[in-house]
């Protein structure tokens, strides 16, 4: 029996085949990681959208007044309503405001929730719900038109409001950075229980 080793060509061929297979496997794994990261980000986007809608709607369901639109710089910046809350264990009437505010340091908005209760010595509290928001827009449902329209196009009390905005993954350095938006915008529809739809 002749014991001879592998030739140089056979060794080079085997090494090149292993390198080719490793490259293909690395490409498949890289794509898998990218797809998993995109799916996770989309799931988080949907979770935040649902949570925000449920938070606003649950407070509106307990409201004791109609929605009041807040206008800043000739655009709908938010809305407010009265509800009953329990600050400090006391049942007090509370004014709740949701407002899109321009960040003073960056070309983006944040969504803030303000609340102030009737009573002596109670101050308005502020909670930032979402940051890094671009292009916030609030439309109201017009019973006359049968669709959502900009706030300035109808004098009606809003029965439903439609809120859209983009949530950015990181802070933009300039307004040009806002041209590339990663996801579909948030779309929330909340109903005012005191006005029939």
N, C-alpha and C. Protein backbone atom coordinates (compact mmCIF):
# COMPACT_ATOMS: atom_id res chain seq x y z
N UNK A 1 0.84 -1.16 0.00
CA UNK A 1 0.00 0.00 0.00
C UNK A 1 0.89 1.24 0.00
N UNK A 2 0.59 2.15 -0.91
CA UNK A 2 1.40 3.35 -1.05
C UNK A 2 0.82 4.47 -0.20
N UNK A 3 1.61 4.98 0.74
CA UNK A 3 1.13 6.08 1.59
C UNK A 3 1.65 7.39 1.02
N UNK A 4 0.82 8.01 0.28
CA UNK A 4 1.25 9.30 -0.25
C UNK A 4 0.30 10.36 0.28
N UNK A 5 0.75 11.61 0.48
CA UNK A 5 -0.05 12.71 1.03
C UNK A 5 -0.82 13.43 -0.07
N UNK A 6 -1.48 14.49 0.32
CA UNK A 6 -2.22 15.30 -0.63
C UNK A 6 -1.25 16.17 -1.41
N UNK A 7 -1.61 16.42 -2.65
CA UNK A 7 -0.77 17.30 -3.46
C UNK A 7 -1.11 18.75 -3.12
N UNK A 8 -0.28 19.67 -3.50
CA UNK A 8 -0.48 21.09 -3.23
C UNK A 8 -1.77 21.58 -3.88
N UNK A 9 -2.07 21.13 -5.06
CA UNK A 9 -3.30 21.55 -5.75
C UNK A 9 -4.53 21.07 -4.99
N UNK A 10 -4.51 19.84 -4.50
CA UNK A 10 -5.64 19.32 -3.72
C UNK A 10 -5.85 20.13 -2.44
N UNK A 11 -4.76 20.46 -1.77
CA UNK A 11 -4.87 21.27 -0.55
C UNK A 11 -5.41 22.66 -0.85
N UNK A 12 -4.92 23.30 -1.90
CA UNK A 12 -5.42 24.63 -2.27
C UNK A 12 -6.89 24.58 -2.66
N UNK A 13 -7.28 23.56 -3.38
CA UNK A 13 -8.68 23.40 -3.76
C UNK A 13 -9.57 23.22 -2.52
N UNK A 14 -9.14 22.39 -1.57
CA UNK A 14 -9.92 22.18 -0.34
C UNK A 14 -10.02 23.47 0.48
N UNK A 15 -8.93 24.22 0.60
CA UNK A 15 -8.95 25.48 1.36
C UNK A 15 -9.86 26.50 0.68
N UNK A 16 -9.79 26.59 -0.65
CA UNK A 16 -10.63 27.57 -1.35
C UNK A 16 -12.11 27.19 -1.25
N UNK A 17 -12.44 25.90 -1.29
CA UNK A 17 -13.84 25.49 -1.11
C UNK A 17 -14.34 25.82 0.30
N UNK A 18 -13.51 25.61 1.31
CA UNK A 18 -13.91 25.95 2.68
C UNK A 18 -14.09 27.46 2.83
N UNK A 19 -13.23 28.25 2.19
CA UNK A 19 -13.36 29.71 2.26
C UNK A 19 -14.65 30.15 1.58
N UNK A 20 -14.98 29.55 0.45
CA UNK A 20 -16.20 29.88 -0.26
C UNK A 20 -17.43 29.53 0.59
N UNK A 21 -17.44 28.35 1.18
CA UNK A 21 -18.56 27.95 2.05
C UNK A 21 -18.66 28.86 3.27
N UNK A 22 -17.55 29.24 3.87
CA UNK A 22 -17.56 30.15 5.03
C UNK A 22 -18.11 31.52 4.63
N UNK A 23 -17.74 32.01 3.44
CA UNK A 23 -18.26 33.29 2.96
C UNK A 23 -19.76 33.26 2.75
N UNK A 24 -20.25 32.18 2.14
CA UNK A 24 -21.70 32.03 1.94
C UNK A 24 -22.44 31.94 3.26
N UNK A 25 -21.90 31.18 4.20
CA UNK A 25 -22.53 31.05 5.50
C UNK A 25 -22.55 32.38 6.24
N UNK A 26 -21.44 33.13 6.16
CA UNK A 26 -21.38 34.46 6.80
C UNK A 26 -22.40 35.40 6.21
N UNK A 27 -22.60 35.36 4.90
CA UNK A 27 -23.58 36.21 4.23
C UNK A 27 -25.00 35.87 4.69
N UNK A 28 -25.29 34.57 4.78
CA UNK A 28 -26.62 34.14 5.23
C UNK A 28 -26.87 34.58 6.67
N UNK A 29 -25.88 34.40 7.54
CA UNK A 29 -26.04 34.81 8.93
C UNK A 29 -26.17 36.32 9.07
N UNK A 30 -25.43 37.07 8.27
CA UNK A 30 -25.52 38.52 8.31
C UNK A 30 -26.91 39.00 7.90
N UNK A 31 -27.44 38.42 6.83
CA UNK A 31 -28.81 38.77 6.41
C UNK A 31 -29.83 38.39 7.48
N UNK A 32 -29.64 37.25 8.10
CA UNK A 32 -30.55 36.81 9.17
C UNK A 32 -30.54 37.78 10.33
N UNK A 33 -29.36 38.26 10.71
CA UNK A 33 -29.27 39.23 11.80
C UNK A 33 -29.96 40.55 11.42
N UNK A 34 -29.75 40.97 10.19
CA UNK A 34 -30.35 42.22 9.73
C UNK A 34 -31.88 42.12 9.71
N UNK A 35 -32.40 41.00 9.24
CA UNK A 35 -33.84 40.79 9.20
C UNK A 35 -34.41 40.73 10.62
N UNK A 36 -33.71 40.05 11.52
CA UNK A 36 -34.16 39.97 12.91
C UNK A 36 -34.16 41.35 13.57
N UNK A 37 -33.14 42.16 13.31
CA UNK A 37 -33.08 43.51 13.88
C UNK A 37 -34.21 44.38 13.34
N UNK A 38 -34.52 44.27 12.05
CA UNK A 38 -35.61 45.04 11.46
C UNK A 38 -36.96 44.60 12.04
N UNK A 39 -37.14 43.30 12.22
CA UNK A 39 -38.39 42.80 12.80
C UNK A 39 -38.56 43.26 14.23
N UNK A 40 -37.47 43.26 14.99
CA UNK A 40 -37.53 43.73 16.38
C UNK A 40 -37.87 45.21 16.43
N UNK A 41 -37.25 46.00 15.55
CA UNK A 41 -37.53 47.44 15.53
C UNK A 41 -38.97 47.71 15.13
N UNK A 42 -39.49 46.97 14.17
CA UNK A 42 -40.88 47.15 13.74
C UNK A 42 -41.85 46.74 14.86
N UNK A 43 -41.53 45.67 15.56
CA UNK A 43 -42.36 45.24 16.69
C UNK A 43 -42.38 46.30 17.78
N UNK A 44 -41.24 46.88 18.07
CA UNK A 44 -41.15 47.94 19.08
C UNK A 44 -41.94 49.17 18.63
N UNK A 45 -41.88 49.47 17.35
CA UNK A 45 -42.64 50.60 16.79
C UNK A 45 -44.15 50.38 17.00
N UNK A 46 -44.63 49.20 16.66
CA UNK A 46 -46.06 48.88 16.81
C UNK A 46 -46.45 48.88 18.29
N UNK A 47 -45.58 48.37 19.16
CA UNK A 47 -45.87 48.35 20.59
C UNK A 47 -46.01 49.77 21.14
N UNK A 48 -45.10 50.66 20.76
CA UNK A 48 -45.17 52.05 21.23
C UNK A 48 -46.42 52.74 20.71
N UNK A 49 -46.75 52.50 19.45
CA UNK A 49 -47.95 53.10 18.85
C UNK A 49 -49.20 52.64 19.60
N UNK A 50 -49.31 51.35 19.85
CA UNK A 50 -50.48 50.81 20.56
C UNK A 50 -50.55 51.35 21.99
N UNK A 51 -49.42 51.37 22.68
CA UNK A 51 -49.39 51.85 24.06
C UNK A 51 -49.78 53.31 24.15
N UNK A 52 -49.29 54.14 23.25
CA UNK A 52 -49.65 55.56 23.26
C UNK A 52 -51.13 55.74 22.97
N UNK A 53 -51.65 55.02 21.99
CA UNK A 53 -53.07 55.13 21.67
C UNK A 53 -53.93 54.72 22.87
N UNK A 54 -53.59 53.60 23.50
CA UNK A 54 -54.37 53.14 24.66
C UNK A 54 -54.28 54.11 25.84
N UNK A 55 -53.11 54.70 26.05
CA UNK A 55 -52.95 55.66 27.15
C UNK A 55 -53.85 56.87 26.94
N UNK A 56 -53.79 57.45 25.74
CA UNK A 56 -54.60 58.63 25.46
C UNK A 56 -56.08 58.29 25.48
N UNK A 57 -56.47 57.17 24.85
CA UNK A 57 -57.88 56.83 24.77
C UNK A 57 -58.45 56.51 26.15
N UNK A 58 -57.69 55.84 27.01
CA UNK A 58 -58.21 55.51 28.35
C UNK A 58 -58.45 56.78 29.16
N UNK A 59 -57.61 57.79 28.99
CA UNK A 59 -57.86 59.06 29.68
C UNK A 59 -59.06 59.79 29.08
N UNK A 60 -59.19 59.73 27.76
CA UNK A 60 -60.33 60.37 27.12
C UNK A 60 -61.65 59.70 27.52
N UNK A 61 -61.62 58.39 27.72
CA UNK A 61 -62.83 57.68 28.14
C UNK A 61 -63.32 58.16 29.51
N UNK A 62 -62.41 58.65 30.34
CA UNK A 62 -62.76 59.15 31.67
C UNK A 62 -62.97 60.66 31.70
N UNK A 63 -62.89 61.29 30.53
CA UNK A 63 -62.98 62.76 30.51
C UNK A 63 -64.39 63.21 30.81
N UNK A 64 -64.48 64.43 31.32
CA UNK A 64 -65.78 65.03 31.65
C UNK A 64 -66.04 66.26 30.79
N UNK A 65 -65.22 66.44 29.76
CA UNK A 65 -65.41 67.59 28.86
C UNK A 65 -65.04 67.18 27.44
N UNK A 66 -65.41 68.04 26.52
CA UNK A 66 -65.03 67.82 25.13
C UNK A 66 -63.56 68.18 24.94
N UNK A 67 -62.99 67.71 23.84
CA UNK A 67 -61.60 68.06 23.51
C UNK A 67 -61.49 69.53 23.16
N UNK A 68 -60.41 70.14 23.59
CA UNK A 68 -60.08 71.50 23.20
C UNK A 68 -58.76 71.44 22.45
N UNK A 69 -58.75 71.95 21.24
CA UNK A 69 -57.52 71.93 20.44
C UNK A 69 -56.61 73.06 20.89
N UNK A 70 -55.31 72.80 20.90
CA UNK A 70 -54.31 73.81 21.25
C UNK A 70 -53.57 74.19 19.98
N UNK A 71 -53.59 75.46 19.65
CA UNK A 71 -52.98 75.99 18.44
C UNK A 71 -51.74 76.79 18.83
N UNK A 72 -50.61 76.47 18.21
CA UNK A 72 -49.37 77.22 18.41
C UNK A 72 -48.74 77.46 17.04
N UNK A 73 -48.34 78.68 16.78
CA UNK A 73 -47.72 79.04 15.49
C UNK A 73 -48.58 78.61 14.30
N UNK A 74 -49.87 78.87 14.40
CA UNK A 74 -50.83 78.58 13.33
C UNK A 74 -50.91 77.10 12.94
N UNK A 75 -50.68 76.21 13.89
CA UNK A 75 -50.84 74.78 13.62
C UNK A 75 -51.37 74.11 14.87
N UNK A 76 -52.06 72.99 14.67
CA UNK A 76 -52.56 72.23 15.82
C UNK A 76 -51.36 71.58 16.51
N UNK A 77 -51.11 71.99 17.74
CA UNK A 77 -49.95 71.47 18.48
C UNK A 77 -50.35 70.43 19.51
N UNK A 78 -51.63 70.34 19.83
CA UNK A 78 -52.06 69.38 20.84
C UNK A 78 -53.53 69.53 21.15
N UNK A 79 -53.94 68.91 22.24
CA UNK A 79 -55.33 68.96 22.67
C UNK A 79 -55.37 68.78 24.18
N UNK A 80 -56.49 69.21 24.76
CA UNK A 80 -56.64 69.07 26.21
C UNK A 80 -58.09 68.72 26.53
N UNK A 81 -58.31 68.25 27.76
CA UNK A 81 -59.64 67.88 28.23
C UNK A 81 -59.62 67.81 29.74
N UNK A 82 -60.80 67.80 30.34
CA UNK A 82 -60.93 67.66 31.79
C UNK A 82 -61.26 66.22 32.14
N UNK A 83 -60.69 65.76 33.24
CA UNK A 83 -60.98 64.42 33.74
C UNK A 83 -60.93 64.48 35.26
N UNK A 84 -61.27 63.41 35.91
CA UNK A 84 -61.12 63.33 37.35
C UNK A 84 -59.95 62.44 37.68
N UNK A 85 -59.03 62.95 38.47
CA UNK A 85 -57.85 62.19 38.87
C UNK A 85 -57.76 62.07 40.37
N UNK A 86 -56.74 61.37 40.85
CA UNK A 86 -56.54 61.16 42.28
C UNK A 86 -55.14 61.56 42.72
N UNK A 87 -54.73 62.82 42.50
CA UNK A 87 -53.42 63.21 43.02
C UNK A 87 -53.44 63.24 44.54
N UNK A 88 -52.55 62.56 45.18
CA UNK A 88 -52.48 62.53 46.64
C UNK A 88 -53.66 61.83 47.29
N UNK A 89 -54.37 60.99 46.54
CA UNK A 89 -55.49 60.25 47.11
C UNK A 89 -56.80 61.01 47.12
N UNK A 90 -56.79 62.28 46.70
CA UNK A 90 -58.01 63.08 46.67
C UNK A 90 -58.59 63.06 45.27
N UNK A 91 -59.91 62.98 45.17
CA UNK A 91 -60.57 63.00 43.88
C UNK A 91 -60.71 64.46 43.46
N UNK A 92 -59.93 64.87 42.47
CA UNK A 92 -59.92 66.25 42.01
C UNK A 92 -60.10 66.29 40.50
N UNK A 93 -60.68 67.38 40.07
CA UNK A 93 -60.79 67.61 38.64
C UNK A 93 -59.41 67.94 38.11
N UNK A 94 -59.08 67.37 36.96
CA UNK A 94 -57.73 67.52 36.43
C UNK A 94 -57.80 67.92 34.95
N UNK A 95 -57.01 68.91 34.56
CA UNK A 95 -56.89 69.29 33.15
C UNK A 95 -55.69 68.55 32.59
N UNK A 96 -55.89 67.74 31.55
CA UNK A 96 -54.82 66.97 30.92
C UNK A 96 -54.58 67.56 29.54
N UNK A 97 -53.31 67.77 29.23
CA UNK A 97 -52.91 68.33 27.93
C UNK A 97 -51.87 67.42 27.29
N UNK A 98 -52.06 67.11 26.02
CA UNK A 98 -51.04 66.42 25.21
C UNK A 98 -50.58 67.43 24.16
N UNK A 99 -49.27 67.72 24.15
CA UNK A 99 -48.75 68.78 23.28
C UNK A 99 -47.46 68.32 22.60
N UNK A 100 -47.37 68.58 21.30
CA UNK A 100 -46.11 68.39 20.57
C UNK A 100 -45.31 69.68 20.70
N UNK A 101 -44.15 69.59 21.32
CA UNK A 101 -43.31 70.77 21.54
C UNK A 101 -42.01 70.63 20.77
N UNK A 102 -41.56 71.74 20.20
CA UNK A 102 -40.30 71.76 19.48
C UNK A 102 -39.15 71.71 20.48
N UNK A 103 -38.22 70.79 20.25
CA UNK A 103 -37.04 70.67 21.11
C UNK A 103 -36.17 71.91 20.89
N UNK A 104 -35.76 72.61 21.96
CA UNK A 104 -34.97 73.83 21.78
C UNK A 104 -33.57 73.59 21.22
N UNK A 105 -33.04 72.38 21.36
CA UNK A 105 -31.66 72.11 20.95
C UNK A 105 -31.53 71.36 19.64
N UNK A 106 -32.62 70.75 19.16
CA UNK A 106 -32.54 69.91 17.96
C UNK A 106 -33.75 70.18 17.08
N UNK A 107 -33.66 69.87 15.78
CA UNK A 107 -34.80 70.13 14.88
C UNK A 107 -35.86 69.02 14.94
N UNK A 108 -36.28 68.66 16.15
CA UNK A 108 -37.29 67.61 16.34
C UNK A 108 -38.27 68.05 17.42
N UNK A 109 -39.35 67.29 17.55
CA UNK A 109 -40.37 67.55 18.56
C UNK A 109 -40.33 66.46 19.62
N UNK A 110 -41.01 66.72 20.74
CA UNK A 110 -41.31 65.66 21.69
C UNK A 110 -42.78 65.80 22.08
N UNK A 111 -43.36 64.69 22.51
CA UNK A 111 -44.76 64.69 22.94
C UNK A 111 -44.78 64.73 24.46
N UNK A 112 -45.38 65.78 24.99
CA UNK A 112 -45.44 65.96 26.43
C UNK A 112 -46.88 65.82 26.91
N UNK A 113 -47.02 65.28 28.10
CA UNK A 113 -48.33 65.19 28.77
C UNK A 113 -48.26 66.08 30.00
N UNK A 114 -49.12 67.08 30.05
CA UNK A 114 -49.21 67.98 31.19
C UNK A 114 -50.49 67.66 31.95
N UNK A 115 -50.44 67.80 33.25
CA UNK A 115 -51.67 67.68 34.03
C UNK A 115 -51.59 68.63 35.21
N UNK A 116 -52.73 69.23 35.50
CA UNK A 116 -52.83 70.11 36.67
C UNK A 116 -54.19 69.85 37.30
N UNK A 117 -54.20 69.67 38.59
CA UNK A 117 -55.44 69.38 39.32
C UNK A 117 -55.93 70.65 40.00
N UNK A 118 -57.25 70.79 40.11
CA UNK A 118 -57.82 71.89 40.88
C UNK A 118 -57.45 71.70 42.34
N UNK A 119 -57.14 72.75 43.00
CA UNK A 119 -56.82 72.65 44.43
C UNK A 119 -55.74 73.65 44.79
N UNK A 120 -55.52 73.77 46.05
CA UNK A 120 -54.56 74.75 46.55
C UNK A 120 -53.17 74.14 46.53
N UNK A 121 -52.24 74.86 45.95
CA UNK A 121 -50.84 74.45 46.00
C UNK A 121 -50.43 73.35 45.04
N UNK A 122 -51.31 72.95 44.15
CA UNK A 122 -50.94 71.91 43.19
C UNK A 122 -50.37 72.56 41.93
N UNK A 123 -49.23 72.07 41.47
CA UNK A 123 -48.59 72.62 40.29
C UNK A 123 -48.78 71.68 39.11
N UNK A 124 -48.60 72.25 37.95
CA UNK A 124 -48.72 71.45 36.74
C UNK A 124 -47.54 70.49 36.64
N UNK A 125 -47.84 69.23 36.34
CA UNK A 125 -46.78 68.25 36.16
C UNK A 125 -46.58 68.02 34.67
N UNK A 126 -45.35 67.69 34.30
CA UNK A 126 -45.01 67.46 32.90
C UNK A 126 -44.30 66.12 32.78
N UNK A 127 -44.71 65.35 31.78
CA UNK A 127 -44.09 64.05 31.52
C UNK A 127 -43.83 63.96 30.01
N UNK A 128 -42.59 63.68 29.63
CA UNK A 128 -42.26 63.50 28.22
C UNK A 128 -42.58 62.05 27.85
N UNK A 129 -43.53 61.86 26.93
CA UNK A 129 -43.94 60.51 26.54
C UNK A 129 -43.06 59.95 25.44
N UNK A 130 -42.76 60.75 24.43
CA UNK A 130 -41.92 60.32 23.32
C UNK A 130 -41.01 61.47 22.90
N UNK A 131 -39.80 61.12 22.52
CA UNK A 131 -38.86 62.12 22.03
C UNK A 131 -38.49 61.78 20.59
N UNK A 132 -37.76 62.67 19.95
CA UNK A 132 -37.26 62.47 18.59
C UNK A 132 -38.39 62.26 17.59
N UNK A 133 -39.35 63.18 17.60
CA UNK A 133 -40.51 63.11 16.72
C UNK A 133 -40.33 64.10 15.58
N UNK A 134 -40.68 63.67 14.38
CA UNK A 134 -40.65 64.56 13.23
C UNK A 134 -42.03 64.61 12.60
N UNK A 135 -42.37 65.76 12.06
CA UNK A 135 -43.59 65.98 11.28
C UNK A 135 -44.87 65.61 12.03
N UNK A 136 -45.07 66.13 13.27
CA UNK A 136 -46.34 65.83 13.93
C UNK A 136 -47.50 66.57 13.25
N UNK A 137 -48.62 65.90 13.16
CA UNK A 137 -49.80 66.50 12.54
C UNK A 137 -51.04 65.99 13.26
N UNK A 138 -51.97 66.90 13.52
CA UNK A 138 -53.24 66.54 14.16
C UNK A 138 -54.37 67.03 13.27
N UNK A 139 -55.21 66.10 12.84
CA UNK A 139 -56.41 66.44 12.08
C UNK A 139 -57.62 66.05 12.91
N UNK A 140 -58.76 66.66 12.61
CA UNK A 140 -59.98 66.31 13.34
C UNK A 140 -61.02 65.78 12.35
N UNK A 141 -61.92 64.97 12.88
CA UNK A 141 -62.97 64.40 12.03
C UNK A 141 -64.07 65.43 11.86
N UNK A 142 -64.42 65.69 10.62
CA UNK A 142 -65.50 66.62 10.30
C UNK A 142 -66.73 65.81 9.92
N UNK A 143 -67.80 65.95 10.68
CA UNK A 143 -69.04 65.26 10.35
C UNK A 143 -69.61 65.79 9.04
N UNK A 144 -69.39 67.07 8.77
CA UNK A 144 -69.88 67.67 7.53
C UNK A 144 -69.17 67.08 6.32
N UNK A 145 -67.84 67.03 6.38
CA UNK A 145 -67.06 66.50 5.26
C UNK A 145 -67.03 64.98 5.23
N UNK A 146 -67.26 64.35 6.39
CA UNK A 146 -67.22 62.89 6.47
C UNK A 146 -65.82 62.32 6.42
N UNK A 147 -64.81 63.13 6.78
CA UNK A 147 -63.42 62.67 6.78
C UNK A 147 -62.59 63.53 7.73
N UNK A 148 -61.33 63.13 7.90
CA UNK A 148 -60.42 63.92 8.73
C UNK A 148 -59.91 65.10 7.92
N UNK A 149 -59.94 66.27 8.53
CA UNK A 149 -59.49 67.50 7.87
C UNK A 149 -58.59 68.27 8.83
N UNK A 150 -57.76 69.18 8.30
CA UNK A 150 -56.96 70.03 9.20
C UNK A 150 -57.85 70.84 10.14
N UNK A 151 -57.34 71.14 11.30
CA UNK A 151 -58.12 71.82 12.34
C UNK A 151 -58.68 73.15 11.85
N UNK A 152 -57.92 73.88 11.05
CA UNK A 152 -58.37 75.21 10.62
C UNK A 152 -59.45 75.17 9.54
N UNK A 153 -59.83 73.99 9.06
CA UNK A 153 -60.82 73.89 7.99
C UNK A 153 -62.23 73.60 8.48
N UNK A 154 -62.42 73.47 9.77
CA UNK A 154 -63.77 73.20 10.27
C UNK A 154 -63.95 73.83 11.65
N UNK A 155 -65.11 74.42 11.88
CA UNK A 155 -65.38 75.00 13.21
C UNK A 155 -66.00 73.99 14.19
N UNK A 156 -66.19 72.75 13.75
CA UNK A 156 -66.87 71.75 14.58
C UNK A 156 -66.04 71.35 15.79
N UNK A 157 -66.73 70.91 16.84
CA UNK A 157 -66.03 70.29 17.98
C UNK A 157 -65.54 68.93 17.51
N UNK A 158 -64.30 68.58 17.80
CA UNK A 158 -63.79 67.30 17.30
C UNK A 158 -64.39 66.10 18.02
N UNK A 159 -64.92 65.16 17.22
CA UNK A 159 -65.41 63.91 17.80
C UNK A 159 -64.31 62.86 17.80
N UNK A 160 -63.41 62.97 16.82
CA UNK A 160 -62.24 62.09 16.74
C UNK A 160 -61.06 62.94 16.26
N UNK A 161 -59.89 62.56 16.71
CA UNK A 161 -58.70 63.21 16.19
C UNK A 161 -57.75 62.16 15.63
N UNK A 162 -57.04 62.55 14.60
CA UNK A 162 -56.11 61.67 13.90
C UNK A 162 -54.73 62.28 14.04
N UNK A 163 -53.83 61.56 14.69
CA UNK A 163 -52.49 62.06 14.97
C UNK A 163 -51.50 61.23 14.17
N UNK A 164 -50.62 61.89 13.43
CA UNK A 164 -49.56 61.18 12.71
C UNK A 164 -48.23 61.87 13.00
N UNK A 165 -47.19 61.07 13.08
CA UNK A 165 -45.83 61.59 13.23
C UNK A 165 -44.84 60.47 12.99
N UNK A 166 -43.59 60.85 12.74
CA UNK A 166 -42.50 59.90 12.59
C UNK A 166 -41.69 59.90 13.88
N UNK A 167 -41.31 58.73 14.34
CA UNK A 167 -40.43 58.59 15.49
C UNK A 167 -39.06 58.21 14.95
N UNK A 168 -38.07 59.06 15.21
CA UNK A 168 -36.73 58.87 14.66
C UNK A 168 -35.91 57.93 15.54
N UNK A 169 -35.03 57.12 14.94
CA UNK A 169 -34.22 56.20 15.74
C UNK A 169 -33.10 56.90 16.50
N UNK A 170 -32.65 58.06 16.02
CA UNK A 170 -31.60 58.81 16.71
C UNK A 170 -31.77 60.28 16.40
N UNK A 171 -31.11 61.11 17.18
CA UNK A 171 -31.26 62.55 17.03
C UNK A 171 -30.59 63.04 15.75
N UNK A 172 -31.31 63.79 14.92
CA UNK A 172 -30.69 64.32 13.71
C UNK A 172 -29.75 65.47 14.05
N UNK A 173 -28.68 65.59 13.27
CA UNK A 173 -27.75 66.68 13.50
C UNK A 173 -28.17 67.94 12.73
N UNK A 174 -28.91 67.76 11.65
CA UNK A 174 -29.37 68.90 10.86
C UNK A 174 -30.72 68.56 10.25
N UNK A 175 -31.45 69.57 9.76
CA UNK A 175 -32.74 69.28 9.12
C UNK A 175 -32.61 68.36 7.91
N UNK A 176 -31.45 68.34 7.24
CA UNK A 176 -31.27 67.43 6.10
C UNK A 176 -31.31 65.97 6.52
N UNK A 177 -30.93 65.67 7.78
CA UNK A 177 -30.97 64.30 8.28
C UNK A 177 -32.39 63.76 8.37
N UNK A 178 -33.40 64.65 8.35
CA UNK A 178 -34.79 64.23 8.49
C UNK A 178 -35.37 63.70 7.19
N UNK A 179 -34.63 63.78 6.08
CA UNK A 179 -35.15 63.34 4.80
C UNK A 179 -35.26 61.83 4.71
N UNK A 180 -34.50 61.11 5.53
CA UNK A 180 -34.53 59.65 5.51
C UNK A 180 -35.26 59.19 6.78
N UNK A 181 -36.49 58.72 6.62
CA UNK A 181 -37.28 58.28 7.76
C UNK A 181 -37.39 56.76 7.72
N UNK A 182 -37.09 56.09 8.84
CA UNK A 182 -36.94 54.64 8.80
C UNK A 182 -38.24 53.84 8.75
N UNK A 183 -39.31 54.32 9.33
CA UNK A 183 -40.53 53.52 9.45
C UNK A 183 -41.72 54.28 8.93
N UNK A 184 -42.82 53.57 8.80
CA UNK A 184 -44.08 54.24 8.54
C UNK A 184 -44.37 55.15 9.73
N UNK A 185 -45.13 56.21 9.51
CA UNK A 185 -45.43 57.09 10.64
C UNK A 185 -46.36 56.43 11.65
N UNK A 186 -46.32 56.93 12.87
CA UNK A 186 -47.31 56.54 13.86
C UNK A 186 -48.65 57.08 13.38
N UNK A 187 -49.70 56.29 13.56
CA UNK A 187 -51.05 56.72 13.19
C UNK A 187 -51.96 56.38 14.36
N UNK A 188 -52.49 57.41 15.02
CA UNK A 188 -53.38 57.20 16.15
C UNK A 188 -54.72 57.85 15.87
N UNK A 189 -55.79 57.17 16.18
CA UNK A 189 -57.13 57.75 16.11
C UNK A 189 -57.73 57.59 17.50
N UNK A 190 -58.06 58.73 18.11
CA UNK A 190 -58.70 58.68 19.42
C UNK A 190 -60.07 59.35 19.33
N UNK A 191 -61.00 58.83 20.11
CA UNK A 191 -62.40 59.31 20.06
C UNK A 191 -62.71 60.12 21.31
N UNK A 192 -63.44 61.19 21.09
CA UNK A 192 -63.94 62.03 22.18
C UNK A 192 -65.30 61.48 22.57
N UNK A 193 -65.42 60.96 23.77
CA UNK A 193 -66.66 60.33 24.21
C UNK A 193 -67.82 61.28 24.40
N UNK A 194 -67.56 62.59 24.40
CA UNK A 194 -68.63 63.56 24.67
C UNK A 194 -69.26 64.14 23.41
N UNK A 195 -68.73 63.76 22.26
CA UNK A 195 -69.30 64.22 21.00
C UNK A 195 -69.63 62.97 20.19
N UNK A 196 -70.88 62.79 19.72
CA UNK A 196 -71.20 61.61 18.93
C UNK A 196 -70.48 61.64 17.59
N UNK A 197 -70.06 60.44 17.14
CA UNK A 197 -69.34 60.34 15.87
C UNK A 197 -70.33 60.25 14.73
